[in-house]
Amino acid sequence: MTEDLISSSKAGIRESELFLALVTKNYVRSIRDPDDEEHHLIVEQITYAKSLGKPAAILLEVSLTSEDEKTVRDALEGMEIIGVFKFESGNEESMESAIIQMRKEVDKMESKKKEEK
């Protein structure tokens, strides 16, 4: 993993409201292949977002099998992901719906934080 890639991804996370990982078959393959660095980069990005107090969410492509989904959930267990939201690749409505669901979860989380203060 190059330092430039890590550094540029951190800059984007600092500027964003949350970290959103888009999970496709390629990402699932990277989890299963210890030599593939994509999974390690995403874990590092989630950890960094959490260190900044920003939520992290997963957009999961609906074409993934239940075994693929389990692989992703197991790999990211304990990362305090606010949710796993499914979308259909190439379907704009599906993506918008997933983002609306995610936004609702972020809003709930923010309301809960305010109540705790």
Protein backbone atom coordinates (compact mmCIF):
# COMPACT_ATOMS: atom_id res chain seq x y z
CA MET A 1 0.00 0.00 0.00
CA THR A 2 1.54 3.30 -1.00
CA GLU A 3 1.75 6.15 1.45
CA ASP A 4 0.28 8.50 -1.19
CA LEU A 5 -2.88 6.40 -1.44
CA ILE A 6 -3.27 6.26 2.33
CA SER A 7 -2.62 9.98 2.69
CA SER A 8 -5.05 11.00 -0.06
CA SER A 9 -7.77 8.74 1.32
CA LYS A 10 -7.35 10.28 4.77
CA ALA A 11 -7.68 13.78 3.32
CA GLY A 12 -10.99 12.79 1.74
CA ILE A 13 -12.24 11.30 5.00
CA ARG A 14 -11.33 14.46 6.93
CA GLU A 15 -13.39 16.53 4.50
CA SER A 16 -16.42 14.23 4.45
CA GLU A 17 -19.32 13.75 6.82
CA LEU A 18 -18.84 9.97 6.96
CA PHE A 19 -16.87 7.12 5.44
CA LEU A 20 -18.72 5.02 2.90
CA ALA A 21 -17.26 1.76 1.59
CA LEU A 22 -18.66 0.43 -1.67
CA VAL A 23 -18.50 -3.37 -1.48
CA THR A 24 -18.41 -5.42 -4.68
CA LYS A 25 -17.13 -8.88 -5.67
CA ASN A 26 -13.62 -7.40 -6.01
CA TYR A 27 -13.62 -6.33 -2.38
CA VAL A 28 -14.85 -9.75 -1.25
CA ARG A 29 -11.98 -11.32 -3.22
CA SER A 30 -9.53 -8.98 -1.49
CA ILE A 31 -10.76 -10.15 1.92
CA ARG A 32 -10.15 -13.76 0.94
CA ASP A 33 -6.68 -13.02 -0.53
CA PRO A 34 -4.22 -12.03 2.21
CA ASP A 35 -1.86 -10.55 -0.41
CA ASP A 36 -4.50 -8.12 -1.70
CA GLU A 37 -4.23 -4.75 0.03
CA GLU A 38 -7.72 -3.37 -0.75
CA HIS A 39 -9.26 -4.88 2.39
CA HIS A 40 -6.44 -3.56 4.57
CA LEU A 41 -6.90 -0.08 3.09
CA ILE A 42 -10.64 -0.09 3.80
CA VAL A 43 -10.09 -1.27 7.39
CA GLU A 44 -7.52 1.49 7.85
CA GLN A 45 -9.95 4.06 6.39
CA ILE A 46 -12.76 2.92 8.69
CA THR A 47 -10.43 3.08 11.69
CA TYR A 48 -9.31 6.57 10.69
CA ALA A 49 -12.91 7.78 10.23
CA LYS A 50 -13.77 6.42 13.68
CA SER A 51 -10.76 8.22 15.19
CA LEU A 52 -12.26 11.46 13.84
CA GLY A 53 -15.66 10.62 15.30
CA LYS A 54 -17.18 10.04 11.86
CA PRO A 55 -19.54 7.17 11.12
CA ALA A 56 -18.72 4.45 8.61
CA ALA A 57 -21.25 2.63 6.46
CA ILE A 58 -21.17 -0.12 3.87
CA LEU A 59 -22.94 -0.05 0.51
CA LEU A 60 -23.22 -3.70 -0.48
CA GLU A 61 -23.90 -4.74 -4.06
CA VAL A 62 -27.04 -6.93 -4.14
CA SER A 63 -25.44 -9.39 -6.57
CA LEU A 64 -23.20 -10.68 -3.78
CA THR A 65 -24.09 -14.09 -2.44
CA SER A 66 -25.08 -14.65 1.18
CA GLU A 67 -21.65 -16.24 1.65
CA ASP A 68 -20.00 -13.08 0.26
CA GLU A 69 -22.08 -10.92 2.59
CA LYS A 70 -21.11 -13.09 5.57
CA THR A 71 -17.44 -12.76 4.57
CA VAL A 72 -17.76 -8.97 4.56
CA ARG A 73 -19.67 -8.82 7.85
CA ASP A 74 -17.17 -11.17 9.54
CA ALA A 75 -14.19 -9.19 8.21
CA LEU A 76 -15.60 -5.89 9.48
CA GLU A 77 -17.01 -7.20 12.76
CA GLY A 78 -16.23 -4.90 15.65
CA MET A 79 -15.62 -1.90 13.37
CA GLU A 80 -18.84 -0.20 14.57
CA ILE A 81 -20.31 0.15 11.10
CA ILE A 82 -23.59 2.10 11.29
CA GLY A 83 -25.19 -0.15 8.73
CA VAL A 84 -24.95 -2.30 5.65
CA PHE A 85 -27.12 -0.92 2.87
CA LYS A 86 -27.75 -2.86 -0.32
CA PHE A 87 -27.82 -1.43 -3.83
CA GLU A 88 -28.10 -2.76 -7.36
CA SER A 89 -25.11 -1.80 -9.48
CA GLY A 90 -26.12 0.39 -12.41
CA ASN A 91 -29.54 1.17 -10.90
CA GLU A 92 -29.63 4.82 -9.86
CA GLU A 93 -32.92 4.43 -7.95
CA SER A 94 -31.48 1.55 -5.96
CA MET A 95 -28.40 3.60 -5.06
CA GLU A 96 -30.51 6.61 -4.06
CA SER A 97 -32.71 4.40 -1.88
CA ALA A 98 -29.67 2.92 -0.13
CA ILE A 99 -28.26 6.39 0.48
CA ILE A 100 -31.58 7.62 1.90
CA GLN A 101 -31.64 4.65 4.31
CA MET A 102 -28.04 5.38 5.27
CA ARG A 103 -28.82 9.07 5.83
CA LYS A 104 -31.67 8.09 8.19
CA GLU A 105 -29.26 5.94 10.22
CA VAL A 106 -26.74 8.78 10.41
CA ASP A 107 -29.49 11.16 11.55
CA LYS A 108 -30.62 8.67 14.24
CA MET A 109 -27.04 8.30 15.42
CA GLU A 110 -26.56 12.08 15.61
CA SER A 111 -29.84 12.52 17.53
CA LYS A 112 -28.78 9.85 19.98
CA LYS A 113 -25.43 11.60 20.54
CA LYS A 114 -27.21 14.91 21.23
CA GLU A 115 -29.54 13.22 23.75
CA GLU A 116 -26.54 11.76 25.59
CA LYS A 117 -25.01 15.23 26.07
